[in-house]
Amino acid sequence: MRPVRLHVEAEAEVAVTAEWYDDRQEGLGELYLAAVREALTTLQDPEVHPTVEGLPLGLARSASVKGFPYRVVFTELGRVLFVIAVPHDRQRPRYWSNRL
C-alpha cells in the first residue's frame, strides 16, 4: 500500500470544513471526515481518477468525497500519493495550484 500524505494546508482545509459542518449539525463534521478518509483510500489506484483540467496532463488527479461537494486533489510523488488540496467543487477553482 502506497503512503498518502497531505499538504499542511489540505489538512487545515479538512479540519475547517469538518468544523463548519459540525456547526451546522452535530455529527455532520464526523460524517464529512469519514467520507474524506474513504476518498483517501481510493487513491491507491490513481488511474481510475480523472485528471484535473487546465493543468499539464497527469499532473494532478481528483477523487470525489462521497456525499459532499468536495474533491481530493492529489498527485504522485514517487511512491507517495500527495494530497494537494480538498477543495469545494464550486468555489475558487484551482486556488491550490501554487502548491504543486
PDB file of N, CA and C in Angstrom:
ATOM      1  N   MET A   1       0.843  -1.183   0.000  1.00  0.00           N
ATOM      2  CA  MET A   1       0.000   0.000   0.000  1.00  0.00           C
ATOM      3  C   MET A   1       0.891   1.249   0.000  1.00  0.00           C
ATOM      4  N   ARG A   2       0.584   2.165  -0.889  1.00  0.00           N
ATOM      5  CA  ARG A   2       1.374   3.389  -1.006  1.00  0.00           C
ATOM      6  C   ARG A   2       0.980   4.378   0.090  1.00  0.00           C
ATOM      7  N   PRO A   3       1.958   5.091   0.640  1.00  0.00           N
ATOM      8  CA  PRO A   3       1.626   6.079   1.666  1.00  0.00           C
ATOM      9  C   PRO A   3       0.906   7.280   1.066  1.00  0.00           C
ATOM     10  N   VAL A   4      -0.025   7.824   1.831  1.00  0.00           N
ATOM     11  CA  VAL A   4      -0.760   9.028   1.441  1.00  0.00           C
ATOM     12  C   VAL A   4      -0.356  10.128   2.414  1.00  0.00           C
ATOM     13  N   ARG A   5       0.100  11.243   1.885  1.00  0.00           N
ATOM     14  CA  ARG A   5       0.491  12.391   2.694  1.00  0.00           C
ATOM     15  C   ARG A   5      -0.342  13.592   2.278  1.00  0.00           C
ATOM     16  N   LEU A   6      -0.684  14.427   3.242  1.00  0.00           N
ATOM     17  CA  LEU A   6      -1.465  15.627   2.956  1.00  0.00           C
ATOM     18  C   LEU A   6      -0.608  16.866   3.133  1.00  0.00           C
ATOM     19  N   HIS A   7      -0.743  17.784   2.196  1.00  0.00           N
ATOM     20  CA  HIS A   7      -0.142  19.106   2.325  1.00  0.00           C
ATOM     21  C   HIS A   7      -0.716  19.709   3.605  1.00  0.00           C
ATOM     22  N   VAL A   8       0.083  20.473   4.327  1.00  0.00           N
ATOM     23  CA  VAL A   8      -0.369  21.043   5.597  1.00  0.00           C
ATOM     24  C   VAL A   8      -1.627  21.902   5.403  1.00  0.00           C
ATOM     25  N   GLU A   9      -1.729  22.594   4.287  1.00  0.00           N
ATOM     26  CA  GLU A   9      -2.917  23.416   4.020  1.00  0.00           C
ATOM     27  C   GLU A   9      -4.127  22.544   3.691  1.00  0.00           C
ATOM     28  N   ALA A  10      -3.908  21.384   3.097  1.00  0.00           N
ATOM     29  CA  ALA A  10      -5.012  20.453   2.834  1.00  0.00           C
ATOM     30  C   ALA A  10      -5.554  19.920   4.162  1.00  0.00           C
ATOM     31  N   GLU A  11      -4.652  19.598   5.096  1.00  0.00           N
ATOM     32  CA  GLU A  11      -5.083  19.156   6.425  1.00  0.00           C
ATOM     33  C   GLU A  11      -5.933  20.225   7.092  1.00  0.00           C
ATOM     34  N   ALA A  12      -5.499  21.472   6.999  1.00  0.00           N
ATOM     35  CA  ALA A  12      -6.244  22.583   7.595  1.00  0.00           C
ATOM     36  C   ALA A  12      -7.611  22.740   6.932  1.00  0.00           C
ATOM     37  N   GLU A  13      -7.667  22.597   5.617  1.00  0.00           N
ATOM     38  CA  GLU A  13      -8.950  22.698   4.909  1.00  0.00           C
ATOM     39  C   GLU A  13      -9.942  21.657   5.412  1.00  0.00           C
ATOM     40  N   VAL A  14      -9.468  20.447   5.576  1.00  0.00           N
ATOM     41  CA  VAL A  14     -10.339  19.369   6.041  1.00  0.00           C
ATOM     42  C   VAL A  14     -10.856  19.684   7.446  1.00  0.00           C
ATOM     43  N   ALA A  15      -9.970  20.144   8.324  1.00  0.00           N
ATOM     44  CA  ALA A  15     -10.364  20.452   9.704  1.00  0.00           C
ATOM     45  C   ALA A  15     -11.379  21.595   9.760  1.00  0.00           C
ATOM     46  N   VAL A  16     -11.135  22.647   8.998  1.00  0.00           N
ATOM     47  CA  VAL A  16     -12.049  23.800   8.980  1.00  0.00           C
ATOM     48  C   VAL A  16     -13.409  23.394   8.423  1.00  0.00           C
ATOM     49  N   THR A  17     -13.409  22.598   7.373  1.00  0.00           N
ATOM     50  CA  THR A  17     -14.671  22.167   6.767  1.00  0.00           C
ATOM     51  C   THR A  17     -15.446  21.269   7.723  1.00  0.00           C
ATOM     52  N   ALA A  18     -14.762  20.363   8.409  1.00  0.00           N
ATOM     53  CA  ALA A  18     -15.435  19.489   9.379  1.00  0.00           C
ATOM     54  C   ALA A  18     -16.066  20.322  10.494  1.00  0.00           C
ATOM     55  N   GLU A  19     -15.339  21.321  10.953  1.00  0.00           N
ATOM     56  CA  GLU A  19     -15.877  22.204  11.997  1.00  0.00           C
ATOM     57  C   GLU A  19     -17.100  22.960  11.484  1.00  0.00           C
ATOM     58  N   TRP A  20     -17.026  23.438  10.250  1.00  0.00           N
ATOM     59  CA  TRP A  20     -18.148  24.161   9.653  1.00  0.00           C
ATOM     60  C   TRP A  20     -19.394  23.269   9.607  1.00  0.00           C
ATOM     61  N   TYR A  21     -19.218  22.018   9.163  1.00  0.00           N
ATOM     62  CA  TYR A  21     -20.356  21.095   9.112  1.00  0.00           C
ATOM     63  C   TYR A  21     -20.890  20.797  10.506  1.00  0.00           C
ATOM     64  N   ASP A  22     -20.018  20.643  11.484  1.00  0.00           N
ATOM     65  CA  ASP A  22     -20.476  20.389  12.862  1.00  0.00           C
ATOM     66  C   ASP A  22     -21.241  21.574  13.428  1.00  0.00           C
ATOM     67  N   ASP A  23     -20.839  22.788  13.043  1.00  0.00           N
ATOM     68  CA  ASP A  23     -21.574  23.984  13.486  1.00  0.00           C
ATOM     69  C   ASP A  23     -22.987  23.992  12.919  1.00  0.00           C
ATOM     70  N   ARG A  24     -23.169  23.390  11.748  1.00  0.00           N
ATOM     71  CA  ARG A  24     -24.493  23.340  11.118  1.00  0.00           C
ATOM     72  C   ARG A  24     -25.349  22.242  11.737  1.00  0.00           C
ATOM     73  N   GLN A  25     -24.731  21.097  12.006  1.00  0.00           N
ATOM     74  CA  GLN A  25     -25.455  19.960  12.571  1.00  0.00           C
ATOM     75  C   GLN A  25     -24.459  19.051  13.289  1.00  0.00           C
ATOM     76  N   GLU A  26     -24.676  18.814  14.548  1.00  0.00           N
ATOM     77  CA  GLU A  26     -23.771  17.979  15.318  1.00  0.00           C
ATOM     78  C   GLU A  26     -23.634  16.594  14.677  1.00  0.00           C
ATOM     79  N   GLY A  27     -22.406  16.155  14.533  1.00  0.00           N
ATOM     80  CA  GLY A  27     -22.131  14.852  13.931  1.00  0.00           C
ATOM     81  C   GLY A  27     -21.878  14.896  12.438  1.00  0.00           C
ATOM     82  N   LEU A  28     -22.296  15.976  11.780  1.00  0.00           N
ATOM     83  CA  LEU A  28     -22.115  16.074  10.334  1.00  0.00           C
ATOM     84  C   LEU A  28     -20.630  16.221   9.973  1.00  0.00           C
ATOM     85  N   GLY A  29     -19.875  16.880  10.846  1.00  0.00           N
ATOM     86  CA  GLY A  29     -18.435  17.012  10.613  1.00  0.00           C
ATOM     87  C   GLY A  29     -17.744  15.660  10.614  1.00  0.00           C
ATOM     88  N   GLU A  30     -18.169  14.773  11.512  1.00  0.00           N
ATOM     89  CA  GLU A  30     -17.579  13.431  11.565  1.00  0.00           C
ATOM     90  C   GLU A  30     -17.944  12.633  10.312  1.00  0.00           C
ATOM     91  N   LEU A  31     -19.158  12.826   9.803  1.00  0.00           N
ATOM     92  CA  LEU A  31     -19.547  12.167   8.552  1.00  0.00           C
ATOM     93  C   LEU A  31     -18.683  12.657   7.390  1.00  0.00           C
ATOM     94  N   TYR A  32     -18.413  13.959   7.381  1.00  0.00           N
ATOM     95  CA  TYR A  32     -17.539  14.525   6.356  1.00  0.00           C
ATOM     96  C   TYR A  32     -16.140  13.920   6.468  1.00  0.00           C
ATOM     97  N   LEU A  33     -15.593  13.857   7.690  1.00  0.00           N
ATOM     98  CA  LEU A  33     -14.262  13.285   7.880  1.00  0.00           C
ATOM     99  C   LEU A  33     -14.208  11.827   7.434  1.00  0.00           C
ATOM    100  N   ALA A  34     -15.256  11.070   7.727  1.00  0.00           N
ATOM    101  CA  ALA A  34     -15.312   9.669   7.297  1.00  0.00           C
ATOM    102  C   ALA A  34     -15.330   9.578   5.772  1.00  0.00           C
ATOM    103  N   ALA A  35     -16.057  10.475   5.121  1.00  0.00           N
ATOM    104  CA  ALA A  35     -16.125  10.479   3.655  1.00  0.00           C
ATOM    105  C   ALA A  35     -14.767  10.848   3.055  1.00  0.00           C
ATOM    106  N   VAL A  36     -14.056  11.785   3.685  1.00  0.00           N
ATOM    107  CA  VAL A  36     -12.714  12.139   3.206  1.00  0.00           C
ATOM    108  C   VAL A  36     -11.776  10.944   3.369  1.00  0.00           C
ATOM    109  N   ARG A  37     -11.827  10.284   4.530  1.00  0.00           N
ATOM    110  CA  ARG A  37     -10.979   9.102   4.736  1.00  0.00           C
ATOM    111  C   ARG A  37     -11.278   8.029   3.684  1.00  0.00           C
ATOM    112  N   GLU A  38     -12.551   7.836   3.369  1.00  0.00           N
ATOM    113  CA  GLU A  38     -12.925   6.858   2.344  1.00  0.00           C
ATOM    114  C   GLU A  38     -12.348   7.259   0.984  1.00  0.00           C
ATOM    115  N   ALA A  39     -12.445   8.540   0.647  1.00  0.00           N
ATOM    116  CA  ALA A  39     -11.890   9.020  -0.627  1.00  0.00           C
ATOM    117  C   ALA A  39     -10.380   8.792  -0.669  1.00  0.00           C
ATOM    118  N   LEU A  40      -9.711   8.999   0.464  1.00  0.00           N
ATOM    119  CA  LEU A  40      -8.261   8.799   0.503  1.00  0.00           C
ATOM    120  C   LEU A  40      -7.889   7.351   0.217  1.00  0.00           C
ATOM    121  N   THR A  41      -8.718   6.413   0.628  1.00  0.00           N
ATOM    122  CA  THR A  41      -8.411   5.006   0.367  1.00  0.00           C
ATOM    123  C   THR A  41      -8.506   4.681  -1.123  1.00  0.00           C
ATOM    124  N   THR A  42      -9.304   5.439  -1.853  1.00  0.00           N
ATOM    125  CA  THR A  42      -9.461   5.169  -3.287  1.00  0.00           C
ATOM    126  C   THR A  42      -8.260   5.647  -4.095  1.00  0.00           C
ATOM    127  N   LEU A  43      -7.379   6.432  -3.495  1.00  0.00           N
ATOM    128  CA  LEU A  43      -6.233   6.973  -4.225  1.00  0.00           C
ATOM    129  C   LEU A  43      -5.220   5.902  -4.604  1.00  0.00           C
ATOM    130  N   GLN A  44      -5.298   4.753  -3.975  1.00  0.00           N
ATOM    131  CA  GLN A  44      -4.334   3.689  -4.227  1.00  0.00           C
ATOM    132  C   GLN A  44      -4.310   3.255  -5.688  1.00  0.00           C
ATOM    133  N   ASP A  45      -5.379   3.508  -6.411  1.00  0.00           N
ATOM    134  CA  ASP A  45      -5.439   3.213  -7.846  1.00  0.00           C
ATOM    135  C   ASP A  45      -5.635   4.538  -8.586  1.00  0.00           C
ATOM    136  N   PRO A  46      -4.580   5.352  -8.694  1.00  0.00           N
ATOM    137  CA  PRO A  46      -4.712   6.701  -9.242  1.00  0.00           C
ATOM    138  C   PRO A  46      -5.329   6.780 -10.627  1.00  0.00           C
ATOM    139  N   GLU A  47      -5.070   5.782 -11.459  1.00  0.00           N
ATOM    140  CA  GLU A  47      -5.526   5.830 -12.844  1.00  0.00           C
ATOM    141  C   GLU A  47      -7.047   5.861 -12.992  1.00  0.00           C
ATOM    142  N   VAL A  48      -7.786   5.457 -11.972  1.00  0.00           N
ATOM    143  CA  VAL A  48      -9.245   5.472 -12.084  1.00  0.00           C
ATOM    144  C   VAL A  48      -9.822   6.864 -11.859  1.00  0.00           C
ATOM    145  N   HIS A  49      -8.996   7.805 -11.402  1.00  0.00           N
ATOM    146  CA  HIS A  49      -9.466   9.158 -11.117  1.00  0.00           C
ATOM    147  C   HIS A  49      -9.131  10.094 -12.273  1.00  0.00           C
ATOM    148  N   PRO A  50     -10.044  10.999 -12.588  1.00  0.00           N
ATOM    149  CA  PRO A  50      -9.799  11.907 -13.714  1.00  0.00           C
ATOM    150  C   PRO A  50      -8.693  12.915 -13.412  1.00  0.00           C
ATOM    151  N   THR A  51      -8.011  13.322 -14.464  1.00  0.00           N
ATOM    152  CA  THR A  51      -7.011  14.372 -14.303  1.00  0.00           C
ATOM    153  C   THR A  51      -7.727  15.710 -14.135  1.00  0.00           C
ATOM    154  N   VAL A  52      -7.045  16.643 -13.495  1.00  0.00           N
ATOM    155  CA  VAL A  52      -7.602  17.980 -13.282  1.00  0.00           C
ATOM    156  C   VAL A  52      -7.397  18.785 -14.547  1.00  0.00           C
ATOM    157  N   GLU A  53      -8.483  19.322 -15.065  1.00  0.00           N
ATOM    158  CA  GLU A  53      -8.432  20.115 -16.303  1.00  0.00           C
ATOM    159  C   GLU A  53      -7.666  21.409 -16.073  1.00  0.00           C
ATOM    160  N   GLY A  54      -7.003  21.865 -17.118  1.00  0.00           N
ATOM    161  CA  GLY A  54      -6.298  23.130 -17.061  1.00  0.00           C
ATOM    162  C   GLY A  54      -4.868  23.013 -16.554  1.00  0.00           C
ATOM    163  N   LEU A  55      -4.437  21.804 -16.257  1.00  0.00           N
ATOM    164  CA  LEU A  55      -3.061  21.556 -15.823  1.00  0.00           C
ATOM    165  C   LEU A  55      -2.418  20.607 -16.823  1.00  0.00           C
ATOM    166  N   PRO A  56      -1.091  20.553 -16.859  1.00  0.00           N
ATOM    167  CA  PRO A  56      -0.448  19.568 -17.742  1.00  0.00           C
ATOM    168  C   PRO A  56      -0.993  18.170 -17.452  1.00  0.00           C
ATOM    169  N   LEU A  57      -1.200  17.406 -18.508  1.00  0.00           N
ATOM    170  CA  LEU A  57      -1.813  16.089 -18.405  1.00  0.00           C
ATOM    171  C   LEU A  57      -1.145  15.215 -17.344  1.00  0.00           C
ATOM    172  N   GLY A  58      -1.946  14.723 -16.433  1.00  0.00           N
ATOM    173  CA  GLY A  58      -1.468  13.806 -15.418  1.00  0.00           C
ATOM    174  C   GLY A  58      -0.824  14.452 -14.208  1.00  0.00           C
ATOM    175  N   LEU A  59      -0.688  15.786 -14.208  1.00  0.00           N
ATOM    176  CA  LEU A  59      -0.024  16.450 -13.086  1.00  0.00           C
ATOM    177  C   LEU A  59      -0.807  16.279 -11.795  1.00  0.00           C
ATOM    178  N   ALA A  60      -2.133  16.374 -11.889  1.00  0.00           N
ATOM    179  CA  ALA A  60      -2.972  16.203 -10.700  1.00  0.00           C
ATOM    180  C   ALA A  60      -4.251  15.473 -11.097  1.00  0.00           C
ATOM    181  N   ARG A  61      -4.747  14.703 -10.167  1.00  0.00           N
ATOM    182  CA  ARG A  61      -5.999  13.962 -10.342  1.00  0.00           C
ATOM    183  C   ARG A  61      -6.915  14.319  -9.184  1.00  0.00           C
ATOM    184  N   SER A  62      -8.181  13.936  -9.300  1.00  0.00           N
ATOM    185  CA  SER A  62      -9.091  14.228  -8.198  1.00  0.00           C
ATOM    186  C   SER A  62     -10.049  13.066  -7.954  1.00  0.00           C
ATOM    187  N   ALA A  63     -10.410  12.930  -6.691  1.00  0.00           N
ATOM    188  CA  ALA A  63     -11.358  11.900  -6.263  1.00  0.00           C
ATOM    189  C   ALA A  63     -12.497  12.582  -5.522  1.00  0.00           C
ATOM    190  N   SER A  64     -13.709  12.169  -5.798  1.00  0.00           N
ATOM    191  CA  SER A  64     -14.877  12.747  -5.137  1.00  0.00           C
ATOM    192  C   SER A  64     -14.941  12.336  -3.676  1.00  0.00           C
ATOM    193  N   VAL A  65     -15.466  13.255  -2.859  1.00  0.00           N
ATOM    194  CA  VAL A  65     -15.776  12.956  -1.466  1.00  0.00           C
ATOM    195  C   VAL A  65     -17.265  12.640  -1.446  1.00  0.00           C
ATOM    196  N   LYS A  66     -17.577  11.375  -1.321  1.00  0.00           N
ATOM    197  CA  LYS A  66     -18.953  10.896  -1.444  1.00  0.00           C
ATOM    198  C   LYS A  66     -19.890  11.578  -0.424  1.00  0.00           C
ATOM    199  N   GLY A  67     -20.990  12.125  -0.968  1.00  0.00           N
ATOM    200  CA  GLY A  67     -21.996  12.746  -0.122  1.00  0.00           C
ATOM    201  C   GLY A  67     -21.747  14.210   0.192  1.00  0.00           C
ATOM    202  N   PHE A  68     -20.624  14.752  -0.268  1.00  0.00           N
ATOM    203  CA  PHE A  68     -20.272  16.143  -0.010  1.00  0.00           C
ATOM    204  C   PHE A  68     -19.720  16.765  -1.285  1.00  0.00           C
ATOM    205  N   PRO A  69     -19.902  18.080  -1.463  1.00  0.00           N
ATOM    206  CA  PRO A  69     -19.438  18.726  -2.701  1.00  0.00           C
ATOM    207  C   PRO A  69     -17.949  19.087  -2.654  1.00  0.00           C
ATOM    208  N   TYR A  70     -17.116  18.107  -2.350  1.00  0.00           N
ATOM    209  CA  TYR A  70     -15.669  18.304  -2.240  1.00  0.00           C
ATOM    210  C   TYR A  70     -14.942  17.246  -3.044  1.00  0.00           C
ATOM    211  N   ARG A  71     -13.676  17.540  -3.341  1.00  0.00           N
ATOM    212  CA  ARG A  71     -12.818  16.610  -4.074  1.00  0.00           C
ATOM    213  C   ARG A  71     -11.474  16.548  -3.369  1.00  0.00           C
ATOM    214  N   VAL A  72     -10.821  15.425  -3.473  1.00  0.00           N
ATOM    215  CA  VAL A  72      -9.447  15.278  -3.005  1.00  0.00           C
ATOM    216  C   VAL A  72      -8.566  15.413  -4.243  1.00  0.00           C
ATOM    217  N   VAL A  73      -7.767  16.461  -4.282  1.00  0.00           N
ATOM    218  CA  VAL A  73      -6.866  16.695  -5.410  1.00  0.00           C
ATOM    219  C   VAL A  73      -5.488  16.185  -5.002  1.00  0.00           C
ATOM    220  N   PHE A  74      -4.916  15.324  -5.838  1.00  0.00           N
ATOM    221  CA  PHE A  74      -3.658  14.689  -5.460  1.00  0.00           C
ATOM    222  C   PHE A  74      -2.745  14.491  -6.658  1.00  0.00           C
ATOM    223  N   THR A  75      -1.496  14.194  -6.345  1.00  0.00           N
ATOM    224  CA  THR A  75      -0.509  13.891  -7.355  1.00  0.00           C
ATOM    225  C   THR A  75       0.366  12.750  -6.835  1.00  0.00           C
ATOM    226  N   GLU A  76       1.101  12.143  -7.742  1.00  0.00           N
ATOM    227  CA  GLU A  76       2.020  11.073  -7.363  1.00  0.00           C
ATOM    228  C   GLU A  76       3.434  11.650  -7.286  1.00  0.00           C
ATOM    229  N   LEU A  77       4.054  11.470  -6.146  1.00  0.00           N
ATOM    230  CA  LEU A  77       5.447  11.883  -5.961  1.00  0.00           C
ATOM    231  C   LEU A  77       6.247  10.630  -5.642  1.00  0.00           C
ATOM    232  N   GLY A  78       6.760  10.011  -6.665  1.00  0.00           N
ATOM    233  CA  GLY A  78       7.427   8.727  -6.470  1.00  0.00           C
ATOM    234  C   GLY A  78       6.412   7.703  -5.988  1.00  0.00           C
ATOM    235  N   ARG A  79       6.696   7.082  -4.863  1.00  0.00           N
ATOM    236  CA  ARG A  79       5.773   6.102  -4.279  1.00  0.00           C
ATOM    237  C   ARG A  79       4.658   6.758  -3.464  1.00  0.00           C
ATOM    238  N   VAL A  80       4.795   8.038  -3.152  1.00  0.00           N
ATOM    239  CA  VAL A  80       3.848   8.728  -2.269  1.00  0.00           C
ATOM    240  C   VAL A  80       2.705   9.340  -3.075  1.00  0.00           C
ATOM    241  N   LEU A  81       1.499   9.185  -2.547  1.00  0.00           N
ATOM    242  CA  LEU A  81       0.323   9.868  -3.090  1.00  0.00           C
ATOM    243  C   LEU A  81       0.152  11.123  -2.234  1.00  0.00           C
ATOM    244  N   PHE A  82       0.354  12.284  -2.845  1.00  0.00           N
ATOM    245  CA  PHE A  82       0.390  13.550  -2.118  1.00  0.00           C
ATOM    246  C   PHE A  82      -0.882  14.342  -2.367  1.00  0.00           C
ATOM    247  N   VAL A  83      -1.639  14.599  -1.301  1.00  0.00           N
ATOM    248  CA  VAL A  83      -2.884  15.359  -1.398  1.00  0.00           C
ATOM    249  C   VAL A  83      -2.540  16.842  -1.352  1.00  0.00           C
ATOM    250  N   ILE A  84      -2.874  17.521  -2.428  1.00  0.00           N
ATOM    251  CA  ILE A  84      -2.565  18.933  -2.588  1.00  0.00           C
ATOM    252  C   ILE A  84      -3.620  19.795  -1.906  1.00  0.00           C
ATOM    253  N   ALA A  85      -4.888  19.393  -2.046  1.00  0.00           N
ATOM    254  CA  ALA A  85      -5.987  20.191  -1.513  1.00  0.00           C
ATOM    255  C   ALA A  85      -7.247  19.336  -1.428  1.00  0.00           C
ATOM    256  N   VAL A  86      -8.218  19.835  -0.651  1.00  0.00           N
ATOM    257  CA  VAL A  86      -9.544  19.222  -0.597  1.00  0.00           C
ATOM    258  C   VAL A  86     -10.543  20.367  -0.796  1.00  0.00           C
ATOM    259  N   PRO A  87     -10.665  20.818  -2.057  1.00  0.00           N
ATOM    260  CA  PRO A  87     -11.494  21.979  -2.360  1.00  0.00           C
ATOM    261  C   PRO A  87     -12.974  21.644  -2.550  1.00  0.00           C
ATOM    262  N   HIS A  88     -13.787  22.673  -2.343  1.00  0.00           N
ATOM    263  CA  HIS A  88     -15.215  22.608  -2.661  1.00  0.00           C
ATOM    264  C   HIS A  88     -15.335  22.562  -4.185  1.00  0.00           C
ATOM    265  N   ASP A  89     -16.307  21.830  -4.681  1.00  0.00           N
ATOM    266  CA  ASP A  89     -16.478  21.668  -6.132  1.00  0.00           C
ATOM    267  C   ASP A  89     -16.766  22.972  -6.871  1.00  0.00           C
ATOM    268  N   ARG A  90     -17.421  23.923  -6.206  1.00  0.00           N
ATOM    269  CA  ARG A  90     -17.878  25.109  -6.920  1.00  0.00           C
ATOM    270  C   ARG A  90     -17.322  26.426  -6.375  1.00  0.00           C
ATOM    271  N   GLN A  91     -16.269  26.359  -5.594  1.00  0.00           N
ATOM    272  CA  GLN A  91     -15.698  27.589  -5.043  1.00  0.00           C
ATOM    273  C   GLN A  91     -14.226  27.708  -5.394  1.00  0.00           C
ATOM    274  N   ARG A  92     -13.799  28.876  -5.781  1.00  0.00           N
ATOM    275  CA  ARG A  92     -12.395  29.205  -6.054  1.00  0.00           C
ATOM    276  C   ARG A  92     -11.646  28.124  -6.830  1.00  0.00           C
ATOM    277  N   PRO A  93     -11.968  27.931  -8.075  1.00  0.00           N
ATOM    278  CA  PRO A  93     -11.310  26.875  -8.849  1.00  0.00           C
ATOM    279  C   PRO A  93      -9.786  27.028  -8.873  1.00  0.00           C
ATOM    280  N   ARG A  94      -9.115  25.935  -8.628  1.00  0.00           N
ATOM    281  CA  ARG A  94      -7.649  25.809  -8.695  1.00  0.00           C
ATOM    282  C   ARG A  94      -6.896  26.838  -7.850  1.00  0.00           C
ATOM    283  N   TYR A  95      -7.476  27.328  -6.751  1.00  0.00           N
ATOM    284  CA  TYR A  95      -6.771  28.243  -5.851  1.00  0.00           C
ATOM    285  C   TYR A  95      -5.505  27.583  -5.293  1.00  0.00           C
ATOM    286  N   TRP A  96      -5.475  26.276  -5.303  1.00  0.00           N
ATOM    287  CA  TRP A  96      -4.406  25.483  -4.706  1.00  0.00           C
ATOM    288  C   TRP A  96      -3.237  25.229  -5.658  1.00  0.00           C
ATOM    289  N   SER A  97      -3.329  25.686  -6.899  1.00  0.00           N
ATOM    290  CA  SER A  97      -2.333  25.322  -7.919  1.00  0.00           C
ATOM    291  C   SER A  97      -0.914  25.770  -7.554  1.00  0.00           C
ATOM    292  N   ASN A  98      -0.779  26.783  -6.709  1.00  0.00           N
ATOM    293  CA  ASN A  98       0.574  27.203  -6.308  1.00  0.00           C
ATOM    294  C   ASN A  98       1.234  26.206  -5.347  1.00  0.00           C
ATOM    295  N   ARG A  99       0.489  25.202  -4.900  1.00  0.00           N
ATOM    296  CA  ARG A  99       1.040  24.168  -4.010  1.00  0.00           C
ATOM    297  C   ARG A  99       1.751  23.063  -4.781  1.00  0.00           C
ATOM    298  N   LEU A 100       1.607  23.063  -6.090  1.00  0.00           N
ATOM    299  CA  LEU A 100       2.221  21.998  -6.910  1.00  0.00           C
ATOM    300  C   LEU A 100       3.738  22.121  -6.954  1.00  0.00           C
TER     301      LEU A 100
END
